[in-house]
Amino acid sequence: MEGEVHLPSKAGGIHARVSDLLNQDAQFVALTNVFASPAIKAPDAPRVHYDVILLRKDHIEYVLPLE
């Protein structure tokens, strides 16, 4: 899955880090503009687009920042 996560601003206008978001007590992370690919890649398998999903944090294996 690929998607965007929106980080809140901390005091003083400083943006929170992704690690701050993942270390919170909440069990889910909201992702927007998500593209999901099948677990088993097939040459003709389409990616599916979702506007918003809630992803349970224990399903996250790694995170790559795009910016």
N, C-alpha and C. Protein backbone atom coordinates (compact mmCIF):
# COMPACT_ATOMS: atom_id res chain seq x y z
N MET A 1 0.83 -1.17 0.00
CA MET A 1 0.00 0.00 0.00
C MET A 1 0.87 1.23 0.00
N GLU A 2 0.41 2.20 -0.71
CA GLU A 2 1.05 3.52 -0.70
C GLU A 2 -0.03 4.52 -0.36
N GLY A 3 0.28 5.44 0.54
CA GLY A 3 -0.69 6.45 0.91
C GLY A 3 -0.03 7.61 1.60
N GLU A 4 -0.82 8.61 1.87
CA GLU A 4 -0.32 9.81 2.52
C GLU A 4 -0.83 9.86 3.95
N VAL A 5 0.02 10.27 4.86
CA VAL A 5 -0.37 10.50 6.24
C VAL A 5 -0.13 11.97 6.52
N HIS A 6 -1.08 12.58 7.20
CA HIS A 6 -0.98 14.01 7.49
C HIS A 6 -0.58 14.18 8.95
N LEU A 7 0.57 14.78 9.15
CA LEU A 7 1.12 14.95 10.49
C LEU A 7 0.64 16.27 11.08
N PRO A 8 0.19 16.23 12.33
CA PRO A 8 -0.25 17.47 12.98
C PRO A 8 0.95 18.35 13.31
N SER A 9 0.69 19.62 13.51
CA SER A 9 1.73 20.55 13.94
C SER A 9 1.82 20.55 15.45
N LYS A 10 3.03 20.61 15.96
CA LYS A 10 3.25 20.74 17.40
C LYS A 10 3.25 22.22 17.77
N ALA A 11 3.46 22.50 19.02
CA ALA A 11 3.54 23.89 19.48
C ALA A 11 4.67 24.60 18.74
N GLY A 12 4.45 25.81 18.38
CA GLY A 12 5.46 26.58 17.68
C GLY A 12 5.48 26.32 16.18
N GLY A 13 4.49 25.58 15.67
CA GLY A 13 4.40 25.34 14.24
C GLY A 13 5.34 24.26 13.73
N ILE A 14 6.00 23.52 14.63
CA ILE A 14 6.91 22.45 14.23
C ILE A 14 6.08 21.22 13.90
N HIS A 15 6.36 20.60 12.77
CA HIS A 15 5.62 19.40 12.37
C HIS A 15 6.06 18.19 13.19
N ALA A 16 5.09 17.35 13.51
CA ALA A 16 5.38 16.10 14.22
C ALA A 16 6.14 15.16 13.29
N ARG A 17 6.80 14.19 13.88
CA ARG A 17 7.52 13.20 13.08
C ARG A 17 6.63 11.98 12.88
N VAL A 18 6.93 11.20 11.85
CA VAL A 18 6.19 9.96 11.61
C VAL A 18 6.34 9.03 12.81
N SER A 19 7.51 8.98 13.40
CA SER A 19 7.72 8.12 14.57
C SER A 19 6.82 8.54 15.73
N ASP A 20 6.57 9.84 15.89
CA ASP A 20 5.65 10.30 16.93
C ASP A 20 4.25 9.74 16.69
N LEU A 21 3.82 9.78 15.45
CA LEU A 21 2.49 9.27 15.09
C LEU A 21 2.39 7.77 15.34
N LEU A 22 3.41 7.02 14.97
CA LEU A 22 3.37 5.57 15.13
C LEU A 22 3.51 5.13 16.59
N ASN A 23 4.11 5.96 17.42
CA ASN A 23 4.29 5.61 18.83
C ASN A 23 3.14 6.05 19.73
N GLN A 24 2.12 6.69 19.16
CA GLN A 24 0.95 7.07 19.96
C GLN A 24 0.18 5.81 20.35
N ASP A 25 -0.73 5.97 21.31
CA ASP A 25 -1.51 4.84 21.81
C ASP A 25 -2.59 4.35 20.84
N ALA A 26 -2.94 5.12 19.84
CA ALA A 26 -3.99 4.73 18.89
C ALA A 26 -3.58 3.47 18.14
N GLN A 27 -4.56 2.60 17.85
CA GLN A 27 -4.29 1.35 17.14
C GLN A 27 -4.27 1.51 15.63
N PHE A 28 -4.84 2.61 15.12
CA PHE A 28 -4.98 2.79 13.68
C PHE A 28 -4.33 4.08 13.22
N VAL A 29 -3.92 4.09 11.95
CA VAL A 29 -3.38 5.27 11.29
C VAL A 29 -4.27 5.54 10.08
N ALA A 30 -4.70 6.78 9.92
CA ALA A 30 -5.51 7.17 8.77
C ALA A 30 -4.59 7.50 7.60
N LEU A 31 -4.84 6.88 6.46
CA LEU A 31 -4.10 7.17 5.23
C LEU A 31 -5.07 7.73 4.20
N THR A 32 -4.61 8.69 3.43
CA THR A 32 -5.42 9.25 2.34
C THR A 32 -4.71 9.00 1.02
N ASN A 33 -5.48 9.11 -0.06
CA ASN A 33 -4.94 8.93 -1.41
C ASN A 33 -4.14 7.63 -1.50
N VAL A 34 -4.78 6.52 -1.16
CA VAL A 34 -4.12 5.23 -1.02
C VAL A 34 -4.23 4.42 -2.31
N PHE A 35 -3.12 3.80 -2.69
CA PHE A 35 -3.09 2.84 -3.79
C PHE A 35 -2.70 1.49 -3.22
N ALA A 36 -3.54 0.50 -3.42
CA ALA A 36 -3.29 -0.85 -2.91
C ALA A 36 -3.01 -1.77 -4.08
N SER A 37 -1.97 -2.57 -3.94
CA SER A 37 -1.60 -3.57 -4.95
C SER A 37 -1.84 -4.95 -4.36
N PRO A 38 -2.10 -5.94 -5.19
CA PRO A 38 -2.27 -7.30 -4.68
C PRO A 38 -1.00 -7.79 -3.99
N ALA A 39 -1.16 -8.66 -2.99
CA ALA A 39 -0.01 -9.20 -2.26
C ALA A 39 0.89 -10.00 -3.19
N ILE A 40 0.29 -10.72 -4.13
CA ILE A 40 1.06 -11.47 -5.12
C ILE A 40 0.99 -10.69 -6.42
N LYS A 41 2.12 -10.17 -6.83
CA LYS A 41 2.17 -9.32 -8.03
C LYS A 41 1.95 -10.14 -9.29
N ALA A 42 0.99 -9.72 -10.06
CA ALA A 42 0.75 -10.30 -11.38
C ALA A 42 0.92 -9.17 -12.39
N PRO A 43 1.41 -9.48 -13.56
CA PRO A 43 1.67 -8.41 -14.55
C PRO A 43 0.43 -7.58 -14.88
N ASP A 44 -0.75 -8.19 -14.86
CA ASP A 44 -1.96 -7.46 -15.25
C ASP A 44 -2.82 -7.06 -14.05
N ALA A 45 -2.31 -7.21 -12.83
CA ALA A 45 -3.08 -6.89 -11.63
C ALA A 45 -3.16 -5.37 -11.47
N PRO A 46 -4.37 -4.84 -11.42
CA PRO A 46 -4.52 -3.38 -11.26
C PRO A 46 -4.33 -2.94 -9.82
N ARG A 47 -3.86 -1.72 -9.66
CA ARG A 47 -3.82 -1.12 -8.33
C ARG A 47 -5.18 -0.49 -8.06
N VAL A 48 -5.64 -0.59 -6.84
CA VAL A 48 -6.94 -0.06 -6.46
C VAL A 48 -6.73 1.22 -5.65
N HIS A 49 -7.52 2.26 -5.97
CA HIS A 49 -7.40 3.54 -5.29
C HIS A 49 -8.50 3.69 -4.25
N TYR A 50 -8.13 4.19 -3.06
CA TYR A 50 -9.08 4.52 -2.00
C TYR A 50 -8.79 5.95 -1.56
N ASP A 51 -9.84 6.71 -1.32
CA ASP A 51 -9.65 8.08 -0.83
C ASP A 51 -9.10 8.08 0.59
N VAL A 52 -9.66 7.21 1.44
CA VAL A 52 -9.24 7.14 2.85
C VAL A 52 -9.34 5.69 3.33
N ILE A 53 -8.36 5.26 4.11
CA ILE A 53 -8.46 3.97 4.81
C ILE A 53 -7.89 4.15 6.22
N LEU A 54 -8.32 3.28 7.12
CA LEU A 54 -7.72 3.19 8.44
C LEU A 54 -6.91 1.91 8.47
N LEU A 55 -5.63 2.05 8.72
CA LEU A 55 -4.72 0.91 8.71
C LEU A 55 -4.30 0.60 10.13
N ARG A 56 -4.49 -0.64 10.54
CA ARG A 56 -4.09 -1.05 11.89
C ARG A 56 -2.56 -1.04 11.96
N LYS A 57 -2.02 -0.40 13.00
CA LYS A 57 -0.57 -0.19 13.08
C LYS A 57 0.24 -1.48 13.13
N ASP A 58 -0.32 -2.55 13.66
CA ASP A 58 0.47 -3.79 13.71
C ASP A 58 0.61 -4.45 12.34
N HIS A 59 -0.03 -3.90 11.31
CA HIS A 59 0.14 -4.40 9.94
C HIS A 59 1.20 -3.62 9.17
N ILE A 60 1.73 -2.56 9.77
CA ILE A 60 2.75 -1.75 9.11
C ILE A 60 4.11 -2.42 9.30
N GLU A 61 4.78 -2.73 8.19
CA GLU A 61 6.09 -3.35 8.26
C GLU A 61 7.22 -2.35 8.13
N TYR A 62 7.07 -1.37 7.28
CA TYR A 62 8.06 -0.30 7.15
C TYR A 62 7.41 0.93 6.57
N VAL A 63 8.05 2.07 6.79
CA VAL A 63 7.54 3.36 6.33
C VAL A 63 8.66 4.08 5.60
N LEU A 64 8.34 4.60 4.43
CA LEU A 64 9.31 5.39 3.66
C LEU A 64 8.75 6.78 3.45
N PRO A 65 9.43 7.81 3.92
CA PRO A 65 8.96 9.17 3.66
C PRO A 65 9.22 9.54 2.20
N LEU A 66 8.27 10.23 1.60
CA LEU A 66 8.42 10.65 0.21
C LEU A 66 8.90 12.08 0.09
N GLU A 67 8.84 12.83 1.17
CA GLU A 67 9.30 14.23 1.15
C GLU A 67 10.37 14.44 2.17
